Amino acid sequence: MTEEESLVRSARKGDAAAFGALVRRYSRAVVARQYGCTREWASAEDLAQETFVRAWQGLGRLEEARSFGSWLLSIAGFVGQEWIRKKQTGQRALAGLAEPAEFRRDESPDLPLAEAIAGLAPEVQQLLALRHDLGLTCEEIARELGRPLGTVTKTLSRAYAQLRERLVRK
């Protein structure tokens, strides 16, 4: 049994310290995943907290202790998608209101890049956030997410190619 499996089993029994160790282990990955959805650090951190609360509450439903990381990131994905849906619903409700000139989205110098990134799959956005926003190496990302190094580097390489293509078209 790995250290992580032991922590998960202890957390299932109500050991808050064990769950705290899991939170520390996965916090960067979860915040990065949420940043991929929000593109705002404060919102990403709020969504990460929501993710960990839901994970704590649902820990009894986790079937395999060894799959904690992927299970947690799937919860993060669900929480992030909920946030996006709520934000889109709110934007539709406010669509008729005039936006002050200093806040117009079309005046942002980073808009083309932000739009290109937003068009990528959430998993790819997560990798980009871990790599560039948090400054992790590909090896650290692979370790953090429990993915093979080759998968991480290949996915990032494809993401860069997609971004170049999308930015050239604009």
N, C-alpha and C. Protein backbone atom coordinates (compact mmCIF):
# COMPACT_ATOMS: atom_id res chain seq x y z
N MET A 1 0.85 -1.17 0.00
CA MET A 1 0.00 0.00 0.00
C MET A 1 0.90 1.24 0.00
N THR A 2 0.56 2.18 -0.88
CA THR A 2 1.34 3.41 -0.97
C THR A 2 0.96 4.36 0.17
N GLU A 3 1.79 5.38 0.35
CA GLU A 3 1.51 6.38 1.38
C GLU A 3 0.18 7.08 1.10
N GLU A 4 -0.07 7.38 -0.18
CA GLU A 4 -1.32 8.04 -0.54
C GLU A 4 -2.54 7.16 -0.23
N GLU A 5 -2.46 5.89 -0.55
CA GLU A 5 -3.57 4.98 -0.25
C GLU A 5 -3.82 4.92 1.25
N SER A 6 -2.75 4.93 2.02
CA SER A 6 -2.88 4.93 3.48
C SER A 6 -3.57 6.21 3.97
N LEU A 7 -3.19 7.34 3.39
CA LEU A 7 -3.83 8.61 3.76
C LEU A 7 -5.31 8.60 3.40
N VAL A 8 -5.64 8.08 2.23
CA VAL A 8 -7.03 8.02 1.80
C VAL A 8 -7.84 7.15 2.75
N ARG A 9 -7.30 6.00 3.09
CA ARG A 9 -8.03 5.10 4.00
C ARG A 9 -8.23 5.73 5.38
N SER A 10 -7.22 6.42 5.85
CA SER A 10 -7.36 7.11 7.15
C SER A 10 -8.38 8.23 7.06
N ALA A 11 -8.34 8.97 5.96
CA ALA A 11 -9.29 10.07 5.78
C ALA A 11 -10.72 9.54 5.71
N ARG A 12 -10.90 8.40 5.08
CA ARG A 12 -12.23 7.78 5.01
C ARG A 12 -12.79 7.49 6.41
N LYS A 13 -11.88 7.24 7.34
CA LYS A 13 -12.29 6.93 8.72
C LYS A 13 -12.48 8.21 9.54
N GLY A 14 -12.37 9.36 8.87
CA GLY A 14 -12.60 10.62 9.56
C GLY A 14 -11.36 11.34 10.03
N ASP A 15 -10.19 10.86 9.64
CA ASP A 15 -8.93 11.48 10.05
C ASP A 15 -8.70 12.76 9.24
N ALA A 16 -9.00 13.90 9.85
CA ALA A 16 -8.87 15.19 9.16
C ALA A 16 -7.41 15.51 8.83
N ALA A 17 -6.48 15.07 9.66
CA ALA A 17 -5.06 15.33 9.39
C ALA A 17 -4.62 14.59 8.12
N ALA A 18 -5.11 13.37 7.94
CA ALA A 18 -4.78 12.61 6.73
C ALA A 18 -5.35 13.31 5.50
N PHE A 19 -6.58 13.79 5.63
CA PHE A 19 -7.17 14.50 4.49
C PHE A 19 -6.41 15.80 4.24
N GLY A 20 -5.97 16.46 5.29
CA GLY A 20 -5.17 17.68 5.14
C GLY A 20 -3.88 17.40 4.36
N ALA A 21 -3.28 16.24 4.60
CA ALA A 21 -2.07 15.87 3.86
C ALA A 21 -2.40 15.67 2.38
N LEU A 22 -3.57 15.10 2.10
CA LEU A 22 -3.99 14.93 0.70
C LEU A 22 -4.26 16.28 0.05
N VAL A 23 -4.85 17.19 0.80
CA VAL A 23 -5.12 18.54 0.29
C VAL A 23 -3.79 19.21 -0.07
N ARG A 24 -2.81 19.12 0.82
CA ARG A 24 -1.50 19.72 0.54
C ARG A 24 -0.86 19.08 -0.69
N ARG A 25 -1.02 17.80 -0.83
CA ARG A 25 -0.42 17.07 -1.95
C ARG A 25 -1.04 17.49 -3.28
N TYR A 26 -2.34 17.74 -3.30
CA TYR A 26 -3.05 18.00 -4.56
C TYR A 26 -3.48 19.45 -4.76
N SER A 27 -3.20 20.33 -3.82
CA SER A 27 -3.74 21.69 -3.92
C SER A 27 -3.27 22.41 -5.18
N ARG A 28 -2.00 22.29 -5.54
CA ARG A 28 -1.52 22.99 -6.73
C ARG A 28 -2.21 22.49 -7.99
N ALA A 29 -2.39 21.17 -8.08
CA ALA A 29 -3.05 20.61 -9.27
C ALA A 29 -4.50 21.05 -9.35
N VAL A 30 -5.19 21.08 -8.21
CA VAL A 30 -6.60 21.46 -8.21
C VAL A 30 -6.76 22.95 -8.52
N VAL A 31 -5.93 23.78 -7.92
CA VAL A 31 -5.99 25.22 -8.21
C VAL A 31 -5.69 25.46 -9.69
N ALA A 32 -4.70 24.77 -10.22
CA ALA A 32 -4.37 24.93 -11.64
C ALA A 32 -5.52 24.47 -12.52
N ARG A 33 -6.16 23.39 -12.14
CA ARG A 33 -7.32 22.90 -12.91
C ARG A 33 -8.43 23.95 -12.91
N GLN A 34 -8.66 24.55 -11.76
CA GLN A 34 -9.71 25.55 -11.67
C GLN A 34 -9.32 26.84 -12.39
N TYR A 35 -8.05 27.17 -12.36
CA TYR A 35 -7.58 28.35 -13.08
C TYR A 35 -7.81 28.18 -14.59
N GLY A 36 -7.70 26.94 -15.06
CA GLY A 36 -7.99 26.66 -16.46
C GLY A 36 -9.42 27.02 -16.82
N CYS A 37 -10.32 26.93 -15.86
CA CYS A 37 -11.74 27.30 -16.10
C CYS A 37 -11.97 28.79 -15.90
N THR A 38 -11.39 29.36 -14.87
CA THR A 38 -11.74 30.72 -14.46
C THR A 38 -10.82 31.79 -15.03
N ARG A 39 -9.55 31.47 -15.23
CA ARG A 39 -8.52 32.44 -15.61
C ARG A 39 -8.42 33.56 -14.60
N GLU A 40 -8.83 33.29 -13.37
CA GLU A 40 -8.74 34.25 -12.26
C GLU A 40 -8.25 33.48 -11.04
N TRP A 41 -7.14 33.92 -10.44
CA TRP A 41 -6.58 33.17 -9.32
C TRP A 41 -7.52 33.12 -8.12
N ALA A 42 -8.16 34.22 -7.79
CA ALA A 42 -9.05 34.23 -6.63
C ALA A 42 -10.21 33.25 -6.81
N SER A 43 -10.81 33.27 -7.99
CA SER A 43 -11.91 32.33 -8.26
C SER A 43 -11.41 30.90 -8.28
N ALA A 44 -10.23 30.69 -8.84
CA ALA A 44 -9.66 29.34 -8.89
C ALA A 44 -9.44 28.80 -7.48
N GLU A 45 -8.94 29.64 -6.59
CA GLU A 45 -8.72 29.20 -5.21
C GLU A 45 -10.04 28.92 -4.51
N ASP A 46 -11.06 29.73 -4.77
CA ASP A 46 -12.39 29.46 -4.19
C ASP A 46 -12.94 28.13 -4.69
N LEU A 47 -12.81 27.88 -5.99
CA LEU A 47 -13.30 26.63 -6.55
C LEU A 47 -12.49 25.44 -6.04
N ALA A 48 -11.22 25.64 -5.80
CA ALA A 48 -10.40 24.56 -5.24
C ALA A 48 -10.91 24.20 -3.85
N GLN A 49 -11.23 25.21 -3.05
CA GLN A 49 -11.79 24.93 -1.72
C GLN A 49 -13.10 24.16 -1.83
N GLU A 50 -13.94 24.57 -2.76
CA GLU A 50 -15.21 23.86 -2.99
C GLU A 50 -14.94 22.42 -3.40
N THR A 51 -13.94 22.21 -4.23
CA THR A 51 -13.57 20.87 -4.67
C THR A 51 -13.18 20.00 -3.48
N PHE A 52 -12.35 20.54 -2.60
CA PHE A 52 -11.91 19.75 -1.44
C PHE A 52 -13.04 19.49 -0.46
N VAL A 53 -13.95 20.43 -0.32
CA VAL A 53 -15.12 20.20 0.55
C VAL A 53 -15.95 19.06 0.00
N ARG A 54 -16.20 19.09 -1.30
CA ARG A 54 -16.98 18.01 -1.92
C ARG A 54 -16.27 16.68 -1.83
N ALA A 55 -14.95 16.70 -1.99
CA ALA A 55 -14.19 15.46 -1.89
C ALA A 55 -14.30 14.89 -0.47
N TRP A 56 -14.15 15.74 0.53
CA TRP A 56 -14.27 15.29 1.92
C TRP A 56 -15.65 14.68 2.18
N GLN A 57 -16.67 15.36 1.67
CA GLN A 57 -18.03 14.88 1.87
C GLN A 57 -18.29 13.58 1.11
N GLY A 58 -17.66 13.39 -0.02
CA GLY A 58 -17.91 12.22 -0.85
C GLY A 58 -16.88 11.12 -0.74
N LEU A 59 -15.97 11.25 0.19
CA LEU A 59 -14.88 10.29 0.31
C LEU A 59 -15.36 8.86 0.47
N GLY A 60 -16.49 8.68 1.11
CA GLY A 60 -17.03 7.33 1.30
C GLY A 60 -17.44 6.67 -0.01
N ARG A 61 -17.67 7.46 -1.04
CA ARG A 61 -18.08 6.91 -2.34
C ARG A 61 -16.89 6.54 -3.23
N LEU A 62 -15.69 6.90 -2.81
CA LEU A 62 -14.50 6.56 -3.59
C LEU A 62 -14.25 5.06 -3.46
N GLU A 63 -14.27 4.36 -4.58
CA GLU A 63 -14.15 2.91 -4.54
C GLU A 63 -12.72 2.43 -4.35
N GLU A 64 -11.78 3.03 -5.04
CA GLU A 64 -10.38 2.60 -4.99
C GLU A 64 -9.51 3.71 -4.42
N ALA A 65 -8.85 3.46 -3.32
CA ALA A 65 -7.99 4.47 -2.71
C ALA A 65 -6.88 4.92 -3.65
N ARG A 66 -6.42 4.03 -4.50
CA ARG A 66 -5.31 4.37 -5.40
C ARG A 66 -5.74 5.33 -6.52
N SER A 67 -7.04 5.49 -6.73
CA SER A 67 -7.51 6.39 -7.79
C SER A 67 -7.94 7.75 -7.23
N PHE A 68 -7.48 8.09 -6.03
CA PHE A 68 -7.88 9.35 -5.39
C PHE A 68 -7.58 10.55 -6.27
N GLY A 69 -6.38 10.63 -6.84
CA GLY A 69 -5.99 11.80 -7.64
C GLY A 69 -6.90 12.03 -8.82
N SER A 70 -7.17 11.00 -9.59
CA SER A 70 -8.04 11.17 -10.76
C SER A 70 -9.47 11.46 -10.32
N TRP A 71 -9.92 10.84 -9.23
CA TRP A 71 -11.26 11.09 -8.70
C TRP A 71 -11.38 12.55 -8.26
N LEU A 72 -10.37 13.05 -7.57
CA LEU A 72 -10.37 14.43 -7.10
C LEU A 72 -10.39 15.41 -8.27
N LEU A 73 -9.59 15.14 -9.30
CA LEU A 73 -9.55 16.04 -10.45
C LEU A 73 -10.85 15.98 -11.25
N SER A 74 -11.55 14.85 -11.19
CA SER A 74 -12.86 14.80 -11.86
C SER A 74 -13.87 15.66 -11.10
N ILE A 75 -13.77 15.66 -9.77
CA ILE A 75 -14.62 16.55 -8.97
C ILE A 75 -14.29 18.00 -9.31
N ALA A 76 -12.99 18.30 -9.42
CA ALA A 76 -12.56 19.66 -9.78
C ALA A 76 -13.14 20.05 -11.13
N GLY A 77 -13.13 19.13 -12.07
CA GLY A 77 -13.69 19.40 -13.39
C GLY A 77 -15.18 19.71 -13.31
N PHE A 78 -15.89 18.96 -12.51
CA PHE A 78 -17.33 19.17 -12.35
C PHE A 78 -17.59 20.53 -11.70
N VAL A 79 -16.84 20.86 -10.66
CA VAL A 79 -17.01 22.14 -9.98
C VAL A 79 -16.69 23.29 -10.94
N GLY A 80 -15.63 23.13 -11.73
CA GLY A 80 -15.27 24.16 -12.70
C GLY A 80 -16.34 24.34 -13.77
N GLN A 81 -16.89 23.25 -14.25
CA GLN A 81 -17.95 23.34 -15.27
C GLN A 81 -19.21 23.99 -14.70
N GLU A 82 -19.51 23.71 -13.45
CA GLU A 82 -20.65 24.38 -12.79
C GLU A 82 -20.41 25.89 -12.76
N TRP A 83 -19.20 26.29 -12.41
CA TRP A 83 -18.86 27.71 -12.34
C TRP A 83 -19.03 28.36 -13.71
N ILE A 84 -18.56 27.68 -14.76
CA ILE A 84 -18.68 28.22 -16.12
C ILE A 84 -20.14 28.38 -16.50
N ARG A 85 -20.96 27.37 -16.21
CA ARG A 85 -22.39 27.46 -16.53
C ARG A 85 -23.06 28.61 -15.79
N LYS A 86 -22.74 28.77 -14.52
CA LYS A 86 -23.32 29.87 -13.74
C LYS A 86 -22.87 31.21 -14.29
N LYS A 87 -21.61 31.31 -14.66
CA LYS A 87 -21.10 32.56 -15.19
C LYS A 87 -21.75 32.88 -16.53
N GLN A 88 -21.91 31.88 -17.39
CA GLN A 88 -22.54 32.10 -18.69
C GLN A 88 -24.00 32.51 -18.51
N THR A 89 -24.69 31.90 -17.58
CA THR A 89 -26.08 32.26 -17.31
C THR A 89 -26.15 33.70 -16.83
N GLY A 90 -25.24 34.09 -15.95
CA GLY A 90 -25.19 35.46 -15.47
C GLY A 90 -24.87 36.45 -16.57
N GLN A 91 -23.98 36.08 -17.48
CA GLN A 91 -23.63 36.96 -18.59
C GLN A 91 -24.81 37.15 -19.53
N ARG A 92 -25.58 36.08 -19.76
CA ARG A 92 -26.76 36.22 -20.61
C ARG A 92 -27.77 37.17 -19.96
N ALA A 93 -27.89 37.09 -18.64
CA ALA A 93 -28.83 37.95 -17.94
C ALA A 93 -28.40 39.42 -18.01
N LEU A 94 -27.09 39.65 -18.07
CA LEU A 94 -26.57 41.02 -18.10
C LEU A 94 -26.28 41.52 -19.51
N ALA A 95 -26.61 40.72 -20.51
CA ALA A 95 -26.23 41.04 -21.89
C ALA A 95 -26.75 42.39 -22.35
N GLY A 96 -27.87 42.82 -21.87
CA GLY A 96 -28.44 44.09 -22.31
C GLY A 96 -27.84 45.30 -21.64
N LEU A 97 -27.06 45.11 -20.60
CA LEU A 97 -26.47 46.25 -19.89
C LEU A 97 -25.23 46.74 -20.59
N ALA A 98 -25.04 48.05 -20.62
CA ALA A 98 -23.84 48.62 -21.23
C ALA A 98 -22.65 48.35 -20.33
N GLU A 99 -21.54 48.07 -20.92
CA GLU A 99 -20.31 47.81 -20.18
C GLU A 99 -19.44 49.06 -20.24
N PRO A 100 -18.92 49.53 -19.09
CA PRO A 100 -18.06 50.71 -19.11
C PRO A 100 -16.87 50.50 -20.05
N ALA A 101 -16.43 51.56 -20.71
CA ALA A 101 -15.37 51.44 -21.72
C ALA A 101 -14.11 50.80 -21.15
N GLU A 102 -13.75 51.12 -19.91
CA GLU A 102 -12.50 50.58 -19.37
C GLU A 102 -12.57 49.08 -19.10
N PHE A 103 -13.76 48.50 -19.18
CA PHE A 103 -13.91 47.07 -18.93
C PHE A 103 -14.30 46.28 -20.17
N ARG A 104 -14.29 46.88 -21.31
CA ARG A 104 -14.70 46.17 -22.52
C ARG A 104 -13.68 45.08 -22.85
N ARG A 105 -14.18 43.89 -23.06
CA ARG A 105 -13.32 42.74 -23.34
C ARG A 105 -12.52 42.93 -24.63
N ASP A 106 -13.10 43.60 -25.62
CA ASP A 106 -12.42 43.73 -26.90
C ASP A 106 -11.20 44.65 -26.84
N GLU A 107 -10.99 45.33 -25.73
CA GLU A 107 -9.85 46.22 -25.60
C GLU A 107 -8.69 45.58 -24.85
N SER A 108 -8.84 44.35 -24.41
CA SER A 108 -7.78 43.67 -23.68
C SER A 108 -6.68 43.23 -24.63
N PRO A 109 -5.41 43.56 -24.34
CA PRO A 109 -4.33 43.14 -25.23
C PRO A 109 -4.12 41.64 -25.23
N ASP A 110 -4.54 40.94 -24.18
CA ASP A 110 -4.34 39.50 -24.09
C ASP A 110 -5.55 38.70 -24.57
N LEU A 111 -6.54 39.38 -25.11
CA LEU A 111 -7.77 38.71 -25.50
C LEU A 111 -7.55 37.59 -26.51
N PRO A 112 -6.80 37.77 -27.60
CA PRO A 112 -6.63 36.66 -28.54
C PRO A 112 -6.03 35.42 -27.88
N LEU A 113 -5.03 35.60 -27.05
CA LEU A 113 -4.43 34.45 -26.37
C LEU A 113 -5.42 33.82 -25.40
N ALA A 114 -6.12 34.64 -24.63
CA ALA A 114 -7.10 34.11 -23.68
C ALA A 114 -8.20 33.34 -24.40
N GLU A 115 -8.66 33.85 -25.54
CA GLU A 115 -9.69 33.16 -26.32
C GLU A 115 -9.15 31.85 -26.87
N ALA A 116 -7.92 31.87 -27.35
CA ALA A 116 -7.32 30.64 -27.89
C ALA A 116 -7.18 29.59 -26.81
N ILE A 117 -6.76 29.99 -25.62
CA ILE A 117 -6.62 29.04 -24.51
C ILE A 117 -7.99 28.53 -24.08
N ALA A 118 -8.98 29.43 -24.04
CA ALA A 118 -10.32 29.03 -23.63
C ALA A 118 -10.92 27.99 -24.57
N GLY A 119 -10.47 27.97 -25.81
CA GLY A 119 -10.97 27.00 -26.77
C GLY A 119 -10.36 25.62 -26.63
N LEU A 120 -9.37 25.47 -25.78
CA LEU A 120 -8.73 24.17 -25.57
C LEU A 120 -9.52 23.36 -24.54
N ALA A 121 -9.32 22.07 -24.56
CA ALA A 121 -9.97 21.19 -23.59
C ALA A 121 -9.54 21.57 -22.18
N PRO A 122 -10.43 21.43 -21.18
CA PRO A 122 -10.08 21.79 -19.80
C PRO A 122 -8.82 21.08 -19.29
N GLU A 123 -8.62 19.83 -19.69
CA GLU A 123 -7.43 19.09 -19.24
C GLU A 123 -6.16 19.74 -19.78
N VAL A 124 -6.24 20.24 -21.02
CA VAL A 124 -5.09 20.90 -21.64
C VAL A 124 -4.86 22.25 -20.97
N GLN A 125 -5.93 22.97 -20.68
CA GLN A 125 -5.81 24.24 -19.97
C GLN A 125 -5.14 24.03 -18.61
N GLN A 126 -5.49 22.91 -17.97
CA GLN A 126 -4.88 22.60 -16.68
C GLN A 126 -3.38 22.42 -16.83
N LEU A 127 -2.95 21.69 -17.84
CA LEU A 127 -1.52 21.48 -18.05
C LEU A 127 -0.81 22.80 -18.33
N LEU A 128 -1.42 23.66 -19.15
CA LEU A 128 -0.82 24.96 -19.44
C LEU A 128 -0.71 25.82 -18.18
N ALA A 129 -1.74 25.77 -17.34
CA ALA A 129 -1.71 26.54 -16.10
C ALA A 129 -0.62 26.03 -15.17
N LEU A 130 -0.49 24.72 -15.06
CA LEU A 130 0.56 24.15 -14.21
C LEU A 130 1.94 24.53 -14.73
N ARG A 131 2.11 24.48 -16.05
CA ARG A 131 3.41 24.73 -16.65
C ARG A 131 3.79 26.21 -16.60
N HIS A 132 2.87 27.07 -17.00
CA HIS A 132 3.23 28.48 -17.16
C HIS A 132 2.81 29.37 -16.01
N ASP A 133 1.66 29.12 -15.44
CA ASP A 133 1.20 29.99 -14.36
C ASP A 133 1.84 29.60 -13.02
N LEU A 134 2.04 28.29 -12.82
CA LEU A 134 2.68 27.86 -11.58
C LEU A 134 4.16 27.55 -11.75
N GLY A 135 4.63 27.50 -13.00
CA GLY A 135 6.05 27.29 -13.27
C GLY A 135 6.57 25.90 -13.02
N LEU A 136 5.68 24.90 -13.05
CA LEU A 136 6.13 23.52 -12.83
C LEU A 136 6.82 22.98 -14.08
N THR A 137 7.79 22.09 -13.87
CA THR A 137 8.41 21.41 -15.00
C THR A 137 7.47 20.30 -15.46
N CYS A 138 7.74 19.76 -16.63
CA CYS A 138 6.92 18.65 -17.13
C CYS A 138 7.01 17.45 -16.18
N GLU A 139 8.18 17.22 -15.62
CA GLU A 139 8.35 16.11 -14.67
C GLU A 139 7.48 16.33 -13.43
N GLU A 140 7.45 17.56 -12.93
CA GLU A 140 6.63 17.87 -11.75
C GLU A 140 5.14 17.73 -12.06
N ILE A 141 4.75 18.15 -13.25
CA ILE A 141 3.34 18.02 -13.65
C ILE A 141 2.96 16.55 -13.73
N ALA A 142 3.80 15.76 -14.35
CA ALA A 142 3.52 14.32 -14.47
C ALA A 142 3.37 13.68 -13.09
N ARG A 143 4.27 14.03 -12.20
CA ARG A 143 4.22 13.49 -10.84
C ARG A 143 2.97 13.99 -10.11
N GLU A 144 2.67 15.27 -10.25
CA GLU A 144 1.53 15.89 -9.57
C GLU A 144 0.21 15.26 -10.00
N LEU A 145 0.08 14.98 -11.31
CA LEU A 145 -1.17 14.46 -11.84
C LEU A 145 -1.19 12.94 -11.96
N GLY A 146 -0.05 12.31 -11.71
CA GLY A 146 0.02 10.85 -11.82
C GLY A 146 -0.09 10.38 -13.26
N ARG A 147 0.49 11.16 -14.18
CA ARG A 147 0.45 10.82 -15.61
C ARG A 147 1.86 10.53 -16.09
N PRO A 148 1.99 9.75 -17.15
CA PRO A 148 3.33 9.51 -17.71
C PRO A 148 3.93 10.81 -18.26
N LEU A 149 5.22 10.95 -18.10
CA LEU A 149 5.92 12.14 -18.57
C LEU A 149 5.71 12.35 -20.06
N GLY A 150 5.76 11.28 -20.84
CA GLY A 150 5.57 11.38 -22.29
C GLY A 150 4.21 11.93 -22.66
N THR A 151 3.19 11.55 -21.90
CA THR A 151 1.84 12.05 -22.15
C THR A 151 1.77 13.55 -21.90
N VAL A 152 2.39 13.99 -20.81
CA VAL A 152 2.38 15.42 -20.47
C VAL A 152 3.11 16.22 -21.54
N THR A 153 4.31 15.80 -21.93
CA THR A 153 5.07 16.57 -22.92
C THR A 153 4.39 16.57 -24.28
N LYS A 154 3.82 15.44 -24.67
CA LYS A 154 3.14 15.37 -25.97
C LYS A 154 1.89 16.25 -25.98
N THR A 155 1.12 16.22 -24.88
CA THR A 155 -0.08 17.04 -24.79
C THR A 155 0.27 18.52 -24.83
N LEU A 156 1.31 18.92 -24.10
CA LEU A 156 1.74 20.32 -24.13
C LEU A 156 2.23 20.73 -25.51
N SER A 157 2.95 19.86 -26.17
CA SER A 157 3.44 20.15 -27.52
C SER A 157 2.28 20.37 -28.48
N ARG A 158 1.28 19.52 -28.40
CA ARG A 158 0.09 19.68 -29.24
C ARG A 158 -0.66 20.97 -28.89
N ALA A 159 -0.72 21.29 -27.61
CA ALA A 159 -1.41 22.51 -27.18
C ALA A 159 -0.73 23.74 -27.76
N TYR A 160 0.61 23.77 -27.71
CA TYR A 160 1.34 24.90 -28.27
C TYR A 160 1.08 25.03 -29.77
N ALA A 161 1.04 23.89 -30.47
CA ALA A 161 0.77 23.91 -31.91
C ALA A 161 -0.64 24.46 -32.18
N GLN A 162 -1.61 24.02 -31.38
CA GLN A 162 -2.98 24.51 -31.55
C GLN A 162 -3.05 26.02 -31.27
N LEU A 163 -2.37 26.47 -30.23
CA LEU A 163 -2.38 27.89 -29.90
C LEU A 163 -1.75 28.72 -31.02
N ARG A 164 -0.62 28.25 -31.55
CA ARG A 164 0.03 28.96 -32.66
C ARG A 164 -0.93 29.06 -33.85
N GLU A 165 -1.56 27.96 -34.17
CA GLU A 165 -2.49 27.92 -35.31
C GLU A 165 -3.66 28.88 -35.09
N ARG A 166 -4.22 28.87 -33.91
CA ARG A 166 -5.37 29.75 -33.62
C ARG A 166 -4.98 31.21 -33.62
N LEU A 167 -3.79 31.53 -33.11
CA LEU A 167 -3.35 32.92 -33.05
C LEU A 167 -2.98 33.45 -34.44
N VAL A 168 -2.43 32.59 -35.28
CA VAL A 168 -2.07 32.99 -36.65
C VAL A 168 -3.33 33.30 -37.44
N ARG A 169 -4.40 32.52 -37.22
CA ARG A 169 -5.66 32.75 -37.92
C ARG A 169 -6.28 34.07 -37.54
N LYS A 170 -6.04 34.56 -36.34
CA LYS A 170 -6.65 35.82 -35.90
C LYS A 170 -5.81 36.91 -36.41
